[in-house]
Amino acid sequence: MKMYKGFDKDLKCRGYQYEIGRTEKEDSAKLCDRGFHACEYPMDVFGYYAPADSRREKR
């Protein structure tokens, strides 16, 4: 499944610092409660981060 992650210009989301190329992992996850979140549709990320305050990475 392809998902889209939103974050600010510094690659932060809710205080968590992401890094390009690093694999993220959670010990446990619960849908809509705990874990890394992402959007199914690319335009949905703008509901969390405005386009002018976001950063896009093509990978």
PDB file of N, CA and C in Angstrom:
ATOM      1  N   MET A   1       0.835  -1.162   0.000  1.00  0.00           N
ATOM      2  CA  MET A   1       0.000   0.000   0.000  1.00  0.00           C
ATOM      3  C   MET A   1       0.893   1.244   0.000  1.00  0.00           C
ATOM      4  N   LYS A   2       0.606   2.183  -0.856  1.00  0.00           N
ATOM      5  CA  LYS A   2       1.359   3.433  -0.897  1.00  0.00           C
ATOM      6  C   LYS A   2       0.633   4.461  -0.044  1.00  0.00           C
ATOM      7  N   MET A   3       1.380   5.106   0.858  1.00  0.00           N
ATOM      8  CA  MET A   3       0.808   6.112   1.751  1.00  0.00           C
ATOM      9  C   MET A   3       1.647   7.389   1.657  1.00  0.00           C
ATOM     10  N   TYR A   4       1.077   8.492   2.119  1.00  0.00           N
ATOM     11  CA  TYR A   4       1.729   9.797   2.046  1.00  0.00           C
ATOM     12  C   TYR A   4       1.831  10.388   3.448  1.00  0.00           C
ATOM     13  N   LYS A   5       3.018  10.854   3.785  1.00  0.00           N
ATOM     14  CA  LYS A   5       3.288  11.385   5.116  1.00  0.00           C
ATOM     15  C   LYS A   5       3.465  12.892   5.041  1.00  0.00           C
ATOM     16  N   GLY A   6       2.803  13.605   5.926  1.00  0.00           N
ATOM     17  CA  GLY A   6       2.959  15.053   6.005  1.00  0.00           C
ATOM     18  C   GLY A   6       3.859  15.434   7.161  1.00  0.00           C
ATOM     19  N   PHE A   7       4.663  16.457   6.941  1.00  0.00           N
ATOM     20  CA  PHE A   7       5.490  17.006   8.012  1.00  0.00           C
ATOM     21  C   PHE A   7       5.860  18.436   7.635  1.00  0.00           C
ATOM     22  N   ASP A   8       6.472  19.164   8.563  1.00  0.00           N
ATOM     23  CA  ASP A   8       6.831  20.556   8.281  1.00  0.00           C
ATOM     24  C   ASP A   8       8.126  20.629   7.463  1.00  0.00           C
ATOM     25  N   LYS A   9       8.610  21.847   7.222  1.00  0.00           N
ATOM     26  CA  LYS A   9       9.807  22.040   6.393  1.00  0.00           C
ATOM     27  C   LYS A   9      11.062  21.412   6.985  1.00  0.00           C
ATOM     28  N   ASP A  10      11.056  21.183   8.300  1.00  0.00           N
ATOM     29  CA  ASP A  10      12.206  20.577   8.981  1.00  0.00           C
ATOM     30  C   ASP A  10      12.074  19.066   9.129  1.00  0.00           C
ATOM     31  N   LEU A  11      11.107  18.480   8.443  1.00  0.00           N
ATOM     32  CA  LEU A  11      10.822  17.038   8.502  1.00  0.00           C
ATOM     33  C   LEU A  11      10.386  16.607   9.899  1.00  0.00           C
ATOM     34  N   LYS A  12       9.624  17.458  10.588  1.00  0.00           N
ATOM     35  CA  LYS A  12       9.075  17.113  11.900  1.00  0.00           C
ATOM     36  C   LYS A  12       7.566  16.960  11.801  1.00  0.00           C
ATOM     37  N   CYS A  13       7.047  16.027  12.579  1.00  0.00           N
ATOM     38  CA  CYS A  13       5.610  15.813  12.683  1.00  0.00           C
ATOM     39  C   CYS A  13       5.296  15.527  14.141  1.00  0.00           C
ATOM     40  N   ARG A  14       4.492  16.382  14.740  1.00  0.00           N
ATOM     41  CA  ARG A  14       4.104  16.233  16.144  1.00  0.00           C
ATOM     42  C   ARG A  14       5.314  16.062  17.044  1.00  0.00           C
ATOM     43  N   GLY A  15       6.365  16.822  16.775  1.00  0.00           N
ATOM     44  CA  GLY A  15       7.567  16.801  17.607  1.00  0.00           C
ATOM     45  C   GLY A  15       8.565  15.709  17.275  1.00  0.00           C
ATOM     46  N   TYR A  16       8.209  14.788  16.388  1.00  0.00           N
ATOM     47  CA  TYR A  16       9.126  13.708  16.025  1.00  0.00           C
ATOM     48  C   TYR A  16       9.964  14.133  14.826  1.00  0.00           C
ATOM     49  N   GLN A  17      11.272  13.992  14.912  1.00  0.00           N
ATOM     50  CA  GLN A  17      12.176  14.372  13.832  1.00  0.00           C
ATOM     51  C   GLN A  17      12.424  13.181  12.910  1.00  0.00           C
ATOM     52  N   TYR A  18      12.008  13.320  11.653  1.00  0.00           N
ATOM     53  CA  TYR A  18      12.263  12.293  10.644  1.00  0.00           C
ATOM     54  C   TYR A  18      13.574  12.593   9.943  1.00  0.00           C
ATOM     55  N   GLU A  19      14.135  11.568   9.309  1.00  0.00           N
ATOM     56  CA  GLU A  19      15.386  11.709   8.573  1.00  0.00           C
ATOM     57  C   GLU A  19      15.264  10.917   7.274  1.00  0.00           C
ATOM     58  N   ILE A  20      15.621  11.540   6.172  1.00  0.00           N
ATOM     59  CA  ILE A  20      15.541  10.874   4.869  1.00  0.00           C
ATOM     60  C   ILE A  20      16.465   9.664   4.857  1.00  0.00           C
ATOM     61  N   GLY A  21      15.917   8.534   4.440  1.00  0.00           N
ATOM     62  CA  GLY A  21      16.694   7.308   4.320  1.00  0.00           C
ATOM     63  C   GLY A  21      16.687   6.438   5.566  1.00  0.00           C
ATOM     64  N   ARG A  22      16.222   6.968   6.702  1.00  0.00           N
ATOM     65  CA  ARG A  22      16.175   6.189   7.934  1.00  0.00           C
ATOM     66  C   ARG A  22      14.844   5.437   8.002  1.00  0.00           C
ATOM     67  N   THR A  23      14.866   4.198   8.421  1.00  0.00           N
ATOM     68  CA  THR A  23      13.664   3.398   8.589  1.00  0.00           C
ATOM     69  C   THR A  23      13.111   3.625   9.988  1.00  0.00           C
ATOM     70  N   GLU A  24      11.812   3.916  10.059  1.00  0.00           N
ATOM     71  CA  GLU A  24      11.146   4.144  11.341  1.00  0.00           C
ATOM     72  C   GLU A  24      10.438   2.863  11.759  1.00  0.00           C
ATOM     73  N   LYS A  25      10.364   2.620  13.056  1.00  0.00           N
ATOM     74  CA  LYS A  25       9.753   1.390  13.543  1.00  0.00           C
ATOM     75  C   LYS A  25       9.095   1.651  14.893  1.00  0.00           C
ATOM     76  N   GLU A  26       7.929   1.052  15.110  1.00  0.00           N
ATOM     77  CA  GLU A  26       7.204   1.124  16.383  1.00  0.00           C
ATOM     78  C   GLU A  26       7.134  -0.274  16.984  1.00  0.00           C
ATOM     79  N   ASP A  27       7.206  -0.360  18.292  1.00  0.00           N
ATOM     80  CA  ASP A  27       7.070  -1.654  18.961  1.00  0.00           C
ATOM     81  C   ASP A  27       5.635  -2.156  18.914  1.00  0.00           C
ATOM     82  N   SER A  28       4.685  -1.225  18.977  1.00  0.00           N
ATOM     83  CA  SER A  28       3.277  -1.613  18.885  1.00  0.00           C
ATOM     84  C   SER A  28       2.513  -0.494  18.187  1.00  0.00           C
ATOM     85  N   ALA A  29       1.368  -0.822  17.649  1.00  0.00           N
ATOM     86  CA  ALA A  29       0.553   0.170  16.948  1.00  0.00           C
ATOM     87  C   ALA A  29      -0.922  -0.160  17.149  1.00  0.00           C
ATOM     88  N   LYS A  30      -1.737   0.883  17.157  1.00  0.00           N
ATOM     89  CA  LYS A  30      -3.180   0.719  17.243  1.00  0.00           C
ATOM     90  C   LYS A  30      -3.787   1.729  16.277  1.00  0.00           C
ATOM     91  N   LEU A  31      -4.570   1.262  15.338  1.00  0.00           N
ATOM     92  CA  LEU A  31      -5.146   2.101  14.301  1.00  0.00           C
ATOM     93  C   LEU A  31      -5.820   3.342  14.890  1.00  0.00           C
ATOM     94  N   CYS A  32      -5.438   4.514  14.372  1.00  0.00           N
ATOM     95  CA  CYS A  32      -5.985   5.825  14.777  1.00  0.00           C
ATOM     96  C   CYS A  32      -5.678   6.194  16.231  1.00  0.00           C
ATOM     97  N   ASP A  33      -4.756   5.492  16.885  1.00  0.00           N
ATOM     98  CA  ASP A  33      -4.445   5.795  18.277  1.00  0.00           C
ATOM     99  C   ASP A  33      -2.941   5.876  18.534  1.00  0.00           C
ATOM    100  N   ARG A  34      -2.192   4.915  18.055  1.00  0.00           N
ATOM    101  CA  ARG A  34      -0.761   4.854  18.341  1.00  0.00           C
ATOM    102  C   ARG A  34      -0.027   4.334  17.109  1.00  0.00           C
ATOM    103  N   GLY A  35       1.108   4.964  16.811  1.00  0.00           N
ATOM    104  CA  GLY A  35       1.920   4.540  15.682  1.00  0.00           C
ATOM    105  C   GLY A  35       2.148   5.692  14.735  1.00  0.00           C
ATOM    106  N   PHE A  36       2.875   5.448  13.677  1.00  0.00           N
ATOM    107  CA  PHE A  36       3.127   6.462  12.661  1.00  0.00           C
ATOM    108  C   PHE A  36       1.896   6.577  11.777  1.00  0.00           C
ATOM    109  N   HIS A  37       1.497   7.789  11.491  1.00  0.00           N
ATOM    110  CA  HIS A  37       0.301   8.021  10.701  1.00  0.00           C
ATOM    111  C   HIS A  37       0.651   8.540   9.319  1.00  0.00           C
ATOM    112  N   ALA A  38      -0.193   8.246   8.360  1.00  0.00           N
ATOM    113  CA  ALA A  38      -0.014   8.696   6.984  1.00  0.00           C
ATOM    114  C   ALA A  38      -1.390   8.773   6.329  1.00  0.00           C
ATOM    115  N   CYS A  39      -1.425   9.369   5.151  1.00  0.00           N
ATOM    116  CA  CYS A  39      -2.685   9.536   4.417  1.00  0.00           C
ATOM    117  C   CYS A  39      -2.685   8.664   3.172  1.00  0.00           C
ATOM    118  N   GLU A  40      -3.843   8.168   2.828  1.00  0.00           N
ATOM    119  CA  GLU A  40      -3.986   7.343   1.634  1.00  0.00           C
ATOM    120  C   GLU A  40      -3.942   8.187   0.363  1.00  0.00           C
ATOM    121  N   TYR A  41      -4.429   9.426   0.452  1.00  0.00           N
ATOM    122  CA  TYR A  41      -4.484  10.313  -0.710  1.00  0.00           C
ATOM    123  C   TYR A  41      -3.546  11.504  -0.488  1.00  0.00           C
ATOM    124  N   PRO A  42      -2.690  11.817  -1.453  1.00  0.00           N
ATOM    125  CA  PRO A  42      -1.665  12.850  -1.260  1.00  0.00           C
ATOM    126  C   PRO A  42      -2.213  14.220  -0.845  1.00  0.00           C
ATOM    127  N   MET A  43      -3.339  14.641  -1.369  1.00  0.00           N
ATOM    128  CA  MET A  43      -3.868  15.962  -1.037  1.00  0.00           C
ATOM    129  C   MET A  43      -4.371  16.034   0.406  1.00  0.00           C
ATOM    130  N   ASP A  44      -4.640  14.901   1.028  1.00  0.00           N
ATOM    131  CA  ASP A  44      -5.130  14.887   2.411  1.00  0.00           C
ATOM    132  C   ASP A  44      -4.088  15.414   3.408  1.00  0.00           C
ATOM    133  N   VAL A  45      -2.809  15.324   3.072  1.00  0.00           N
ATOM    134  CA  VAL A  45      -1.784  15.819   4.005  1.00  0.00           C
ATOM    135  C   VAL A  45      -1.915  17.320   4.236  1.00  0.00           C
ATOM    136  N   PHE A  46      -2.503  18.049   3.285  1.00  0.00           N
ATOM    137  CA  PHE A  46      -2.647  19.492   3.445  1.00  0.00           C
ATOM    138  C   PHE A  46      -3.699  19.849   4.493  1.00  0.00           C
ATOM    139  N   GLY A  47      -4.479  18.902   4.938  1.00  0.00           N
ATOM    140  CA  GLY A  47      -5.386  19.128   6.050  1.00  0.00           C
ATOM    141  C   GLY A  47      -4.640  19.221   7.374  1.00  0.00           C
ATOM    142  N   TYR A  48      -3.384  18.761   7.380  1.00  0.00           N
ATOM    143  CA  TYR A  48      -2.543  18.788   8.577  1.00  0.00           C
ATOM    144  C   TYR A  48      -1.426  19.820   8.456  1.00  0.00           C
ATOM    145  N   TYR A  49      -0.910  19.997   7.249  1.00  0.00           N
ATOM    146  CA  TYR A  49       0.169  20.951   6.996  1.00  0.00           C
ATOM    147  C   TYR A  49      -0.159  21.729   5.730  1.00  0.00           C
ATOM    148  N   ALA A  50      -0.187  23.040   5.849  1.00  0.00           N
ATOM    149  CA  ALA A  50      -0.458  23.899   4.689  1.00  0.00           C
ATOM    150  C   ALA A  50       0.660  23.740   3.661  1.00  0.00           C
ATOM    151  N   PRO A  51       0.344  23.805   2.356  1.00  0.00           N
ATOM    152  CA  PRO A  51       1.359  23.631   1.319  1.00  0.00           C
ATOM    153  C   PRO A  51       2.560  24.575   1.489  1.00  0.00           C
ATOM    154  N   ALA A  52       2.335  25.798   1.917  1.00  0.00           N
ATOM    155  CA  ALA A  52       3.426  26.765   2.060  1.00  0.00           C
ATOM    156  C   ALA A  52       4.328  26.421   3.246  1.00  0.00           C
ATOM    157  N   ASP A  53       3.838  25.647   4.194  1.00  0.00           N
ATOM    158  CA  ASP A  53       4.616  25.289   5.388  1.00  0.00           C
ATOM    159  C   ASP A  53       5.086  23.837   5.364  1.00  0.00           C
ATOM    160  N   SER A  54       4.965  23.186   4.228  1.00  0.00           N
ATOM    161  CA  SER A  54       5.322  21.770   4.108  1.00  0.00           C
ATOM    162  C   SER A  54       6.567  21.599   3.259  1.00  0.00           C
ATOM    163  N   ARG A  55       7.003  20.368   3.198  1.00  0.00           N
ATOM    164  CA  ARG A  55       8.151  20.007   2.361  1.00  0.00           C
ATOM    165  C   ARG A  55       7.785  18.733   1.626  1.00  0.00           C
ATOM    166  N   ARG A  56       8.109  18.684   0.352  1.00  0.00           N
ATOM    167  CA  ARG A  56       7.839  17.498  -0.451  1.00  0.00           C
ATOM    168  C   ARG A  56       9.151  16.837  -0.797  1.00  0.00           C
ATOM    169  N   GLU A  57       9.165  15.545  -0.753  1.00  0.00           N
ATOM    170  CA  GLU A  57      10.323  14.749  -1.173  1.00  0.00           C
ATOM    171  C   GLU A  57       9.837  13.717  -2.168  1.00  0.00           C
ATOM    172  N   LYS A  58      10.431  13.680  -3.323  1.00  0.00           N
ATOM    173  CA  LYS A  58      10.133  12.627  -4.295  1.00  0.00           C
ATOM    174  C   LYS A  58      11.131  11.530  -4.098  1.00  0.00           C
ATOM    175  N   ARG A  59      10.643  10.323  -3.884  1.00  0.00           N
ATOM    176  CA  ARG A  59      11.540   9.194  -3.639  1.00  0.00           C
ATOM    177  C   ARG A  59      11.166   8.054  -4.537  1.00  0.00           C
TER     178      ARG A  59
END
